[in-house]
Amino acid sequence: MATEVLAHITGTVWKIAVQVGDVVAENQTLVILESMKMEMPVEAHEVGRVASISVTEGASVDEGDVLVTLESP
């Protein structure tokens, strides 16, 4: 089953900390968003394997946009 990790704020993708195929732990940082000169980490809510990354560094995102999709490891 796939789980979508969503942006919790509107901002810019400052850094993508994972690659497709990586196995991630619960609470591991996946993406760092920048908004109003503040860096906000987006973390995995569960253990999973990165199935896809829907954004690129420097891209603008809105709250609720899909950033990463995780699948069961």
PDB file of N, CA and C in Angstrom:
ATOM      1  N   MET A   1       0.841  -1.180   0.000  1.00  0.00           N
ATOM      2  CA  MET A   1       0.000   0.000   0.000  1.00  0.00           C
ATOM      3  C   MET A   1       0.889   1.246   0.000  1.00  0.00           C
ATOM      4  N   ALA A   2       0.574   2.207  -0.827  1.00  0.00           N
ATOM      5  CA  ALA A   2       1.370   3.432  -0.943  1.00  0.00           C
ATOM      6  C   ALA A   2       0.847   4.504   0.012  1.00  0.00           C
ATOM      7  N   THR A   3       1.773   5.278   0.538  1.00  0.00           N
ATOM      8  CA  THR A   3       1.441   6.399   1.409  1.00  0.00           C
ATOM      9  C   THR A   3       2.030   7.664   0.812  1.00  0.00           C
ATOM     10  N   GLU A   4       1.201   8.672   0.619  1.00  0.00           N
ATOM     11  CA  GLU A   4       1.685   9.951   0.091  1.00  0.00           C
ATOM     12  C   GLU A   4       2.106  10.846   1.247  1.00  0.00           C
ATOM     13  N   VAL A   5       3.278  11.441   1.113  1.00  0.00           N
ATOM     14  CA  VAL A   5       3.765  12.413   2.089  1.00  0.00           C
ATOM     15  C   VAL A   5       3.520  13.789   1.483  1.00  0.00           C
ATOM     16  N   LEU A   6       2.755  14.618   2.201  1.00  0.00           N
ATOM     17  CA  LEU A   6       2.292  15.898   1.673  1.00  0.00           C
ATOM     18  C   LEU A   6       3.044  17.077   2.286  1.00  0.00           C
ATOM     19  N   ALA A   7       3.076  18.178   1.546  1.00  0.00           N
ATOM     20  CA  ALA A   7       3.636  19.424   2.069  1.00  0.00           C
ATOM     21  C   ALA A   7       2.680  19.973   3.131  1.00  0.00           C
ATOM     22  N   HIS A   8       3.203  20.344   4.272  1.00  0.00           N
ATOM     23  CA  HIS A   8       2.362  20.894   5.338  1.00  0.00           C
ATOM     24  C   HIS A   8       2.350  22.421   5.331  1.00  0.00           C
ATOM     25  N   ILE A   9       3.135  23.012   4.442  1.00  0.00           N
ATOM     26  CA  ILE A   9       3.159  24.471   4.279  1.00  0.00           C
ATOM     27  C   ILE A   9       3.365  24.790   2.797  1.00  0.00           C
ATOM     28  N   THR A  10       3.066  26.020   2.430  1.00  0.00           N
ATOM     29  CA  THR A  10       3.399  26.518   1.096  1.00  0.00           C
ATOM     30  C   THR A  10       4.819  27.053   1.161  1.00  0.00           C
ATOM     31  N   GLY A  11       5.636  26.685   0.185  1.00  0.00           N
ATOM     32  CA  GLY A  11       7.021  27.144   0.210  1.00  0.00           C
ATOM     33  C   GLY A  11       7.800  26.630  -0.985  1.00  0.00           C
ATOM     34  N   THR A  12       9.097  26.538  -0.807  1.00  0.00           N
ATOM     35  CA  THR A  12      10.012  26.082  -1.850  1.00  0.00           C
ATOM     36  C   THR A  12      10.752  24.847  -1.350  1.00  0.00           C
ATOM     37  N   VAL A  13      10.934  23.880  -2.246  1.00  0.00           N
ATOM     38  CA  VAL A  13      11.702  22.685  -1.885  1.00  0.00           C
ATOM     39  C   VAL A  13      13.165  23.095  -1.806  1.00  0.00           C
ATOM     40  N   TRP A  14      13.705  23.114  -0.591  1.00  0.00           N
ATOM     41  CA  TRP A  14      15.081  23.521  -0.380  1.00  0.00           C
ATOM     42  C   TRP A  14      16.034  22.352  -0.607  1.00  0.00           C
ATOM     43  N   LYS A  15      15.645  21.162  -0.090  1.00  0.00           N
ATOM     44  CA  LYS A  15      16.514  19.991  -0.226  1.00  0.00           C
ATOM     45  C   LYS A  15      15.683  18.721  -0.198  1.00  0.00           C
ATOM     46  N   ILE A  16      16.050  17.776  -1.057  1.00  0.00           N
ATOM     47  CA  ILE A  16      15.462  16.439  -1.030  1.00  0.00           C
ATOM     48  C   ILE A  16      16.507  15.531  -0.402  1.00  0.00           C
ATOM     49  N   ALA A  17      16.155  14.905   0.716  1.00  0.00           N
ATOM     50  CA  ALA A  17      17.129  14.164   1.515  1.00  0.00           C
ATOM     51  C   ALA A  17      17.133  12.659   1.238  1.00  0.00           C
ATOM     52  N   VAL A  18      16.295  12.202   0.315  1.00  0.00           N
ATOM     53  CA  VAL A  18      16.214  10.772   0.001  1.00  0.00           C
ATOM     54  C   VAL A  18      16.231  10.569  -1.507  1.00  0.00           C
ATOM     55  N   GLN A  19      16.402   9.314  -1.915  1.00  0.00           N
ATOM     56  CA  GLN A  19      16.350   8.938  -3.320  1.00  0.00           C
ATOM     57  C   GLN A  19      15.360   7.793  -3.485  1.00  0.00           C
ATOM     58  N   VAL A  20      14.839   7.630  -4.696  1.00  0.00           N
ATOM     59  CA  VAL A  20      13.938   6.520  -4.972  1.00  0.00           C
ATOM     60  C   VAL A  20      14.659   5.217  -4.640  1.00  0.00           C
ATOM     61  N   GLY A  21      13.966   4.344  -3.922  1.00  0.00           N
ATOM     62  CA  GLY A  21      14.533   3.062  -3.514  1.00  0.00           C
ATOM     63  C   GLY A  21      15.054   3.047  -2.092  1.00  0.00           C
ATOM     64  N   ASP A  22      15.290   4.219  -1.502  1.00  0.00           N
ATOM     65  CA  ASP A  22      15.770   4.281  -0.120  1.00  0.00           C
ATOM     66  C   ASP A  22      14.704   3.729   0.829  1.00  0.00           C
ATOM     67  N   VAL A  23      15.143   2.998   1.848  1.00  0.00           N
ATOM     68  CA  VAL A  23      14.260   2.579   2.934  1.00  0.00           C
ATOM     69  C   VAL A  23      14.414   3.628   4.031  1.00  0.00           C
ATOM     70  N   VAL A  24      13.288   4.171   4.480  1.00  0.00           N
ATOM     71  CA  VAL A  24      13.322   5.250   5.467  1.00  0.00           C
ATOM     72  C   VAL A  24      12.662   4.800   6.769  1.00  0.00           C
ATOM     73  N   ALA A  25      13.132   5.389   7.845  1.00  0.00           N
ATOM     74  CA  ALA A  25      12.603   5.105   9.175  1.00  0.00           C
ATOM     75  C   ALA A  25      11.501   6.100   9.515  1.00  0.00           C
ATOM     76  N   GLU A  26      10.675   5.733  10.465  1.00  0.00           N
ATOM     77  CA  GLU A  26       9.667   6.665  10.967  1.00  0.00           C
ATOM     78  C   GLU A  26      10.373   7.903  11.511  1.00  0.00           C
ATOM     79  N   ASN A  27       9.858   9.063  11.195  1.00  0.00           N
ATOM     80  CA  ASN A  27      10.378  10.374  11.615  1.00  0.00           C
ATOM     81  C   ASN A  27      11.660  10.792  10.904  1.00  0.00           C
ATOM     82  N   GLN A  28      12.100  10.045   9.893  1.00  0.00           N
ATOM     83  CA  GLN A  28      13.275  10.448   9.111  1.00  0.00           C
ATOM     84  C   GLN A  28      12.889  11.600   8.189  1.00  0.00           C
ATOM     85  N   THR A  29      13.761  12.601   8.068  1.00  0.00           N
ATOM     86  CA  THR A  29      13.515  13.734   7.183  1.00  0.00           C
ATOM     87  C   THR A  29      13.611  13.287   5.734  1.00  0.00           C
ATOM     88  N   LEU A  30      12.574  13.610   4.954  1.00  0.00           N
ATOM     89  CA  LEU A  30      12.523  13.264   3.539  1.00  0.00           C
ATOM     90  C   LEU A  30      12.841  14.467   2.671  1.00  0.00           C
ATOM     91  N   VAL A  31      12.238  15.594   3.018  1.00  0.00           N
ATOM     92  CA  VAL A  31      12.352  16.833   2.242  1.00  0.00           C
ATOM     93  C   VAL A  31      12.438  17.985   3.227  1.00  0.00           C
ATOM     94  N   ILE A  32      13.179  19.019   2.858  1.00  0.00           N
ATOM     95  CA  ILE A  32      13.197  20.242   3.660  1.00  0.00           C
ATOM     96  C   ILE A  32      12.583  21.351   2.814  1.00  0.00           C
ATOM     97  N   LEU A  33      11.534  21.968   3.357  1.00  0.00           N
ATOM     98  CA  LEU A  33      10.876  23.085   2.681  1.00  0.00           C
ATOM     99  C   LEU A  33      11.359  24.386   3.295  1.00  0.00           C
ATOM    100  N   GLU A  34      11.423  25.422   2.478  1.00  0.00           N
ATOM    101  CA  GLU A  34      11.792  26.763   2.949  1.00  0.00           C
ATOM    102  C   GLU A  34      10.591  27.667   2.756  1.00  0.00           C
ATOM    103  N   SER A  35      10.226  28.362   3.817  1.00  0.00           N
ATOM    104  CA  SER A  35       9.120  29.310   3.760  1.00  0.00           C
ATOM    105  C   SER A  35       9.449  30.471   4.690  1.00  0.00           C
ATOM    106  N   MET A  36       9.402  31.662   4.168  1.00  0.00           N
ATOM    107  CA  MET A  36       9.670  32.863   4.950  1.00  0.00           C
ATOM    108  C   MET A  36      11.030  32.765   5.666  1.00  0.00           C
ATOM    109  N   LYS A  37      12.041  32.259   4.938  1.00  0.00           N
ATOM    110  CA  LYS A  37      13.415  32.129   5.415  1.00  0.00           C
ATOM    111  C   LYS A  37      13.571  31.141   6.575  1.00  0.00           C
ATOM    112  N   MET A  38      12.590  30.262   6.740  1.00  0.00           N
ATOM    113  CA  MET A  38      12.669  29.210   7.750  1.00  0.00           C
ATOM    114  C   MET A  38      12.691  27.863   7.054  1.00  0.00           C
ATOM    115  N   GLU A  39      13.537  26.955   7.529  1.00  0.00           N
ATOM    116  CA  GLU A  39      13.602  25.609   6.983  1.00  0.00           C
ATOM    117  C   GLU A  39      12.699  24.696   7.810  1.00  0.00           C
ATOM    118  N   MET A  40      11.810  23.992   7.110  1.00  0.00           N
ATOM    119  CA  MET A  40      10.836  23.127   7.776  1.00  0.00           C
ATOM    120  C   MET A  40      10.980  21.701   7.247  1.00  0.00           C
ATOM    121  N   PRO A  41      11.429  20.750   8.074  1.00  0.00           N
ATOM    122  CA  PRO A  41      11.568  19.379   7.601  1.00  0.00           C
ATOM    123  C   PRO A  41      10.210  18.702   7.429  1.00  0.00           C
ATOM    124  N   VAL A  42      10.120  17.851   6.412  1.00  0.00           N
ATOM    125  CA  VAL A  42       8.953  16.999   6.204  1.00  0.00           C
ATOM    126  C   VAL A  42       9.436  15.583   6.457  1.00  0.00           C
ATOM    127  N   GLU A  43       8.813  14.898   7.411  1.00  0.00           N
ATOM    128  CA  GLU A  43       9.298  13.606   7.874  1.00  0.00           C
ATOM    129  C   GLU A  43       8.360  12.473   7.496  1.00  0.00           C
ATOM    130  N   ALA A  44       8.915  11.272   7.438  1.00  0.00           N
ATOM    131  CA  ALA A  44       8.115  10.075   7.194  1.00  0.00           C
ATOM    132  C   ALA A  44       7.290   9.780   8.443  1.00  0.00           C
ATOM    133  N   HIS A  45       6.040   9.410   8.245  1.00  0.00           N
ATOM    134  CA  HIS A  45       5.167   9.074   9.380  1.00  0.00           C
ATOM    135  C   HIS A  45       5.229   7.593   9.711  1.00  0.00           C
ATOM    136  N   GLU A  46       5.913   6.820   8.843  1.00  0.00           N
ATOM    137  CA  GLU A  46       6.044   5.379   9.050  1.00  0.00           C
ATOM    138  C   GLU A  46       7.257   4.873   8.280  1.00  0.00           C
ATOM    139  N   VAL A  47       7.657   3.662   8.570  1.00  0.00           N
ATOM    140  CA  VAL A  47       8.740   3.016   7.836  1.00  0.00           C
ATOM    141  C   VAL A  47       8.250   2.719   6.421  1.00  0.00           C
ATOM    142  N   GLY A  48       9.115   2.906   5.436  1.00  0.00           N
ATOM    143  CA  GLY A  48       8.724   2.603   4.066  1.00  0.00           C
ATOM    144  C   GLY A  48       9.892   2.729   3.107  1.00  0.00           C
ATOM    145  N   ARG A  49       9.628   2.376   1.859  1.00  0.00           N
ATOM    146  CA  ARG A  49      10.604   2.513   0.782  1.00  0.00           C
ATOM    147  C   ARG A  49      10.117   3.651  -0.116  1.00  0.00           C
ATOM    148  N   VAL A  50      11.026   4.531  -0.518  1.00  0.00           N
ATOM    149  CA  VAL A  50      10.660   5.652  -1.384  1.00  0.00           C
ATOM    150  C   VAL A  50      10.322   5.096  -2.773  1.00  0.00           C
ATOM    151  N   ALA A  51       9.052   5.200  -3.143  1.00  0.00           N
ATOM    152  CA  ALA A  51       8.592   4.707  -4.440  1.00  0.00           C
ATOM    153  C   ALA A  51       8.738   5.771  -5.514  1.00  0.00           C
ATOM    154  N   SER A  52       8.473   7.032  -5.138  1.00  0.00           N
ATOM    155  CA  SER A  52       8.615   8.127  -6.098  1.00  0.00           C
ATOM    156  C   SER A  52       8.793   9.447  -5.364  1.00  0.00           C
ATOM    157  N   ILE A  53       9.424  10.379  -6.064  1.00  0.00           N
ATOM    158  CA  ILE A  53       9.599  11.747  -5.571  1.00  0.00           C
ATOM    159  C   ILE A  53       8.925  12.641  -6.593  1.00  0.00           C
ATOM    160  N   SER A  54       7.956  13.427  -6.137  1.00  0.00           N
ATOM    161  CA  SER A  54       7.105  14.203  -7.046  1.00  0.00           C
ATOM    162  C   SER A  54       7.566  15.638  -7.256  1.00  0.00           C
ATOM    163  N   VAL A  55       8.654  16.038  -6.604  1.00  0.00           N
ATOM    164  CA  VAL A  55       9.116  17.424  -6.682  1.00  0.00           C
ATOM    165  C   VAL A  55      10.612  17.456  -6.989  1.00  0.00           C
ATOM    166  N   THR A  56      11.117  18.630  -7.309  1.00  0.00           N
ATOM    167  CA  THR A  56      12.539  18.830  -7.517  1.00  0.00           C
ATOM    168  C   THR A  56      13.007  19.963  -6.611  1.00  0.00           C
ATOM    169  N   GLU A  57      14.282  19.983  -6.311  1.00  0.00           N
ATOM    170  CA  GLU A  57      14.826  21.068  -5.499  1.00  0.00           C
ATOM    171  C   GLU A  57      14.623  22.387  -6.227  1.00  0.00           C
ATOM    172  N   GLY A  58      14.164  23.394  -5.493  1.00  0.00           N
ATOM    173  CA  GLY A  58      13.895  24.706  -6.063  1.00  0.00           C
ATOM    174  C   GLY A  58      12.460  24.900  -6.502  1.00  0.00           C
ATOM    175  N   ALA A  59      11.683  23.823  -6.531  1.00  0.00           N
ATOM    176  CA  ALA A  59      10.283  23.913  -6.967  1.00  0.00           C
ATOM    177  C   ALA A  59       9.420  24.549  -5.883  1.00  0.00           C
ATOM    178  N   SER A  60       8.414  25.288  -6.318  1.00  0.00           N
ATOM    179  CA  SER A  60       7.420  25.840  -5.399  1.00  0.00           C
ATOM    180  C   SER A  60       6.338  24.804  -5.163  1.00  0.00           C
ATOM    181  N   VAL A  61       5.900  24.684  -3.913  1.00  0.00           N
ATOM    182  CA  VAL A  61       4.825  23.757  -3.576  1.00  0.00           C
ATOM    183  C   VAL A  61       3.780  24.473  -2.734  1.00  0.00           C
ATOM    184  N   ASP A  62       2.567  23.973  -2.834  1.00  0.00           N
ATOM    185  CA  ASP A  62       1.467  24.470  -2.016  1.00  0.00           C
ATOM    186  C   ASP A  62       1.171  23.469  -0.914  1.00  0.00           C
ATOM    187  N   GLU A  63       0.581  23.936   0.158  1.00  0.00           N
ATOM    188  CA  GLU A  63       0.168  23.044   1.230  1.00  0.00           C
ATOM    189  C   GLU A  63      -0.725  21.952   0.645  1.00  0.00           C
ATOM    190  N   GLY A  64      -0.435  20.704   0.973  1.00  0.00           N
ATOM    191  CA  GLY A  64      -1.219  19.578   0.483  1.00  0.00           C
ATOM    192  C   GLY A  64      -0.669  18.912  -0.766  1.00  0.00           C
ATOM    193  N   ASP A  65       0.341  19.512  -1.419  1.00  0.00           N
ATOM    194  CA  ASP A  65       0.952  18.889  -2.592  1.00  0.00           C
ATOM    195  C   ASP A  65       1.705  17.617  -2.182  1.00  0.00           C
ATOM    196  N   VAL A  66       1.676  16.611  -3.057  1.00  0.00           N
ATOM    197  CA  VAL A  66       2.406  15.371  -2.807  1.00  0.00           C
ATOM    198  C   VAL A  66       3.896  15.624  -3.051  1.00  0.00           C
ATOM    199  N   LEU A  67       4.721  15.263  -2.073  1.00  0.00           N
ATOM    200  CA  LEU A  67       6.161  15.413  -2.187  1.00  0.00           C
ATOM    201  C   LEU A  67       6.827  14.079  -2.514  1.00  0.00           C
ATOM    202  N   VAL A  68       6.475  13.069  -1.722  1.00  0.00           N
ATOM    203  CA  VAL A  68       7.102  11.754  -1.822  1.00  0.00           C
ATOM    204  C   VAL A  68       6.020  10.695  -1.644  1.00  0.00           C
ATOM    205  N   THR A  69       6.165   9.580  -2.333  1.00  0.00           N
ATOM    206  CA  THR A  69       5.277   8.442  -2.114  1.00  0.00           C
ATOM    207  C   THR A  69       6.109   7.296  -1.553  1.00  0.00           C
ATOM    208  N   LEU A  70       5.625   6.734  -0.427  1.00  0.00           N
ATOM    209  CA  LEU A  70       6.287   5.615   0.215  1.00  0.00           C
ATOM    210  C   LEU A  70       5.455   4.354   0.010  1.00  0.00           C
ATOM    211  N   GLU A  71       6.141   3.209  -0.086  1.00  0.00           N
ATOM    212  CA  GLU A  71       5.464   1.923  -0.151  1.00  0.00           C
ATOM    213  C   GLU A  71       6.016   1.052   0.973  1.00  0.00           C
ATOM    214  N   SER A  72       5.313  -0.016   1.288  1.00  0.00           N
ATOM    215  CA  SER A  72       5.791  -0.922   2.328  1.00  0.00           C
ATOM    216  C   SER A  72       7.134  -1.500   1.918  1.00  0.00           C
ATOM    217  N   PRO A  73       8.066  -1.609   2.866  1.00  0.00           N
ATOM    218  CA  PRO A  73       9.419  -2.082   2.521  1.00  0.00           C
ATOM    219  C   PRO A  73       9.466  -3.542   2.111  1.00  0.00           C
TER     220      PRO A  73
END
